[in-house]
């Protein structure tokens, strides 16, 4: 039988991940945006790095 870890698409990491400071995220977003060819590429790269824009839930808007 395959274990749950074997069927998961998420890689197992042996390191502790820490939150990145908001200023660091902002600076990284600006660097990525400056090198991206267009908005679609910028969004793709930001999402790959895990620093993409926050998704807005239309139900939360008042």
N, C-alpha and C. Protein backbone atom coordinates (compact mmCIF):
# COMPACT_ATOMS: atom_id res chain seq x y z
N UNK A 1 0.82 -1.19 0.00
CA UNK A 1 0.00 0.00 0.00
C UNK A 1 0.87 1.25 0.00
N UNK A 2 0.46 2.23 -0.75
CA UNK A 2 1.21 3.49 -0.80
C UNK A 2 0.80 4.37 0.37
N UNK A 3 1.77 5.05 0.92
CA UNK A 3 1.47 5.96 2.03
C UNK A 3 0.93 7.27 1.50
N UNK A 4 0.35 8.07 2.40
CA UNK A 4 -0.20 9.37 2.00
C UNK A 4 0.88 10.29 1.47
N UNK A 5 2.09 10.21 2.03
CA UNK A 5 3.19 11.06 1.58
C UNK A 5 3.60 10.71 0.15
N UNK A 6 3.50 9.44 -0.20
CA UNK A 6 3.90 9.02 -1.54
C UNK A 6 2.90 9.50 -2.59
N UNK A 7 1.65 9.64 -2.23
CA UNK A 7 0.63 10.06 -3.19
C UNK A 7 0.48 11.57 -3.25
N UNK A 8 1.06 12.29 -2.30
CA UNK A 8 0.95 13.75 -2.28
C UNK A 8 1.85 14.37 -3.33
N UNK A 9 1.40 15.47 -3.92
CA UNK A 9 2.21 16.21 -4.87
C UNK A 9 3.16 17.18 -4.18
N UNK A 10 2.97 17.40 -2.90
CA UNK A 10 3.80 18.31 -2.13
C UNK A 10 5.11 17.62 -1.74
N UNK A 11 6.25 18.25 -2.00
CA UNK A 11 7.52 17.65 -1.58
C UNK A 11 7.67 17.74 -0.07
N UNK A 12 8.34 16.76 0.50
CA UNK A 12 8.60 16.80 1.94
C UNK A 12 9.85 17.64 2.17
N UNK A 13 9.76 18.59 3.07
CA UNK A 13 10.89 19.46 3.38
C UNK A 13 11.40 19.14 4.77
N UNK A 14 12.71 19.03 4.90
CA UNK A 14 13.31 18.75 6.20
C UNK A 14 13.77 20.02 6.90
N UNK A 15 13.38 21.18 6.39
CA UNK A 15 13.79 22.44 6.99
C UNK A 15 12.58 23.16 7.56
N UNK A 16 12.83 23.98 8.54
CA UNK A 16 11.77 24.81 9.10
C UNK A 16 11.66 26.08 8.27
N UNK A 17 10.46 26.39 7.81
CA UNK A 17 10.26 27.58 7.01
C UNK A 17 9.80 28.71 7.91
N UNK A 18 10.37 29.88 7.70
CA UNK A 18 10.00 31.05 8.49
C UNK A 18 9.28 32.05 7.59
N UNK A 19 8.44 32.87 8.18
CA UNK A 19 7.75 33.91 7.44
C UNK A 19 8.77 34.95 6.97
N UNK A 20 8.47 35.52 5.84
CA UNK A 20 9.34 36.56 5.29
C UNK A 20 8.71 37.91 5.65
N UNK A 21 9.54 38.86 6.02
CA UNK A 21 9.05 40.19 6.38
C UNK A 21 8.35 40.83 5.20
N UNK A 22 7.32 41.60 5.48
CA UNK A 22 6.52 42.25 4.44
C UNK A 22 7.39 43.13 3.54
N UNK A 23 8.35 43.82 4.09
CA UNK A 23 9.24 44.68 3.30
C UNK A 23 10.08 43.85 2.34
N UNK A 24 10.54 42.69 2.77
CA UNK A 24 11.32 41.81 1.91
C UNK A 24 10.47 41.29 0.75
N UNK A 25 9.23 40.92 1.05
CA UNK A 25 8.30 40.46 0.00
C UNK A 25 8.08 41.58 -1.01
N UNK A 26 7.84 42.78 -0.52
CA UNK A 26 7.60 43.93 -1.40
C UNK A 26 8.80 44.17 -2.32
N UNK A 27 10.00 44.12 -1.76
CA UNK A 27 11.20 44.33 -2.56
C UNK A 27 11.37 43.23 -3.61
N UNK A 28 11.10 42.00 -3.22
CA UNK A 28 11.21 40.88 -4.16
C UNK A 28 10.19 41.01 -5.28
N UNK A 29 8.97 41.43 -4.95
CA UNK A 29 7.94 41.63 -5.97
C UNK A 29 8.37 42.70 -6.97
N UNK A 30 8.98 43.76 -6.49
CA UNK A 30 9.43 44.83 -7.39
C UNK A 30 10.55 44.36 -8.31
N UNK A 31 11.47 43.56 -7.80
CA UNK A 31 12.57 43.03 -8.63
C UNK A 31 12.01 42.12 -9.71
N UNK A 32 11.12 41.20 -9.31
CA UNK A 32 10.52 40.29 -10.29
C UNK A 32 9.77 41.08 -11.35
N UNK A 33 8.99 42.06 -10.94
CA UNK A 33 8.22 42.87 -11.89
C UNK A 33 9.14 43.61 -12.86
N UNK A 34 10.28 44.06 -12.38
CA UNK A 34 11.18 44.81 -13.26
C UNK A 34 11.82 43.94 -14.33
N UNK A 35 11.98 42.64 -14.06
CA UNK A 35 12.60 41.74 -15.03
C UNK A 35 11.59 40.97 -15.87
N UNK A 36 10.33 40.96 -15.49
CA UNK A 36 9.32 40.21 -16.24
C UNK A 36 9.03 40.88 -17.58
N UNK A 37 8.77 40.06 -18.58
CA UNK A 37 8.49 40.57 -19.93
C UNK A 37 7.12 41.23 -20.01
N UNK A 38 6.15 40.70 -19.27
CA UNK A 38 4.81 41.26 -19.29
C UNK A 38 4.09 40.88 -17.99
N UNK A 39 2.86 41.33 -17.86
CA UNK A 39 2.11 41.12 -16.62
C UNK A 39 1.85 39.65 -16.36
N UNK A 40 1.58 38.87 -17.40
CA UNK A 40 1.32 37.43 -17.22
C UNK A 40 2.56 36.71 -16.69
N UNK A 41 3.72 37.04 -17.25
CA UNK A 41 4.95 36.42 -16.79
C UNK A 41 5.26 36.84 -15.35
N UNK A 42 5.01 38.10 -15.05
CA UNK A 42 5.24 38.60 -13.69
C UNK A 42 4.39 37.82 -12.69
N UNK A 43 3.11 37.67 -12.99
CA UNK A 43 2.21 36.95 -12.10
C UNK A 43 2.65 35.50 -11.93
N UNK A 44 3.03 34.86 -13.02
CA UNK A 44 3.48 33.48 -12.96
C UNK A 44 4.71 33.34 -12.06
N UNK A 45 5.68 34.23 -12.24
CA UNK A 45 6.91 34.16 -11.45
C UNK A 45 6.63 34.44 -9.96
N UNK A 46 5.78 35.43 -9.68
CA UNK A 46 5.45 35.74 -8.29
C UNK A 46 4.76 34.56 -7.62
N UNK A 47 3.85 33.91 -8.34
CA UNK A 47 3.16 32.75 -7.77
C UNK A 47 4.12 31.59 -7.56
N UNK A 48 5.08 31.41 -8.47
CA UNK A 48 6.07 30.35 -8.33
C UNK A 48 6.93 30.57 -7.08
N UNK A 49 7.21 31.83 -6.79
CA UNK A 49 8.01 32.16 -5.62
C UNK A 49 7.18 32.20 -4.33
N UNK A 50 5.87 32.13 -4.48
CA UNK A 50 5.00 32.17 -3.30
C UNK A 50 4.80 33.57 -2.76
N UNK A 51 5.02 34.57 -3.60
CA UNK A 51 4.85 35.96 -3.16
C UNK A 51 3.89 36.71 -4.06
N UNK A 52 2.97 35.97 -4.67
CA UNK A 52 2.00 36.58 -5.56
C UNK A 52 1.00 37.42 -4.80
N UNK A 53 0.19 38.17 -5.54
CA UNK A 53 -0.81 39.01 -4.89
C UNK A 53 -1.84 38.16 -4.15
N UNK A 54 -2.41 38.75 -3.10
CA UNK A 54 -3.42 38.03 -2.34
C UNK A 54 -4.69 37.95 -3.17
N UNK A 55 -5.33 36.81 -3.09
CA UNK A 55 -6.58 36.62 -3.81
C UNK A 55 -7.71 37.28 -3.01
N UNK A 56 -8.55 38.04 -3.69
CA UNK A 56 -9.67 38.71 -3.04
C UNK A 56 -10.93 37.88 -3.22
N UNK A 57 -11.58 37.55 -2.12
CA UNK A 57 -12.82 36.80 -2.16
C UNK A 57 -13.98 37.78 -2.32
N UNK A 58 -14.73 37.69 -3.42
CA UNK A 58 -15.82 38.65 -3.65
C UNK A 58 -16.86 38.63 -2.54
N UNK A 59 -16.99 37.54 -1.81
CA UNK A 59 -17.97 37.45 -0.72
C UNK A 59 -17.55 38.31 0.47
N UNK A 60 -16.25 38.59 0.58
CA UNK A 60 -15.75 39.38 1.70
C UNK A 60 -15.96 40.87 1.51
N UNK A 61 -16.14 41.31 0.27
CA UNK A 61 -16.32 42.73 -0.01
C UNK A 61 -17.71 43.17 0.45
N UNK A 62 -17.77 44.36 0.99
CA UNK A 62 -19.07 44.88 1.45
C UNK A 62 -19.46 46.10 0.68
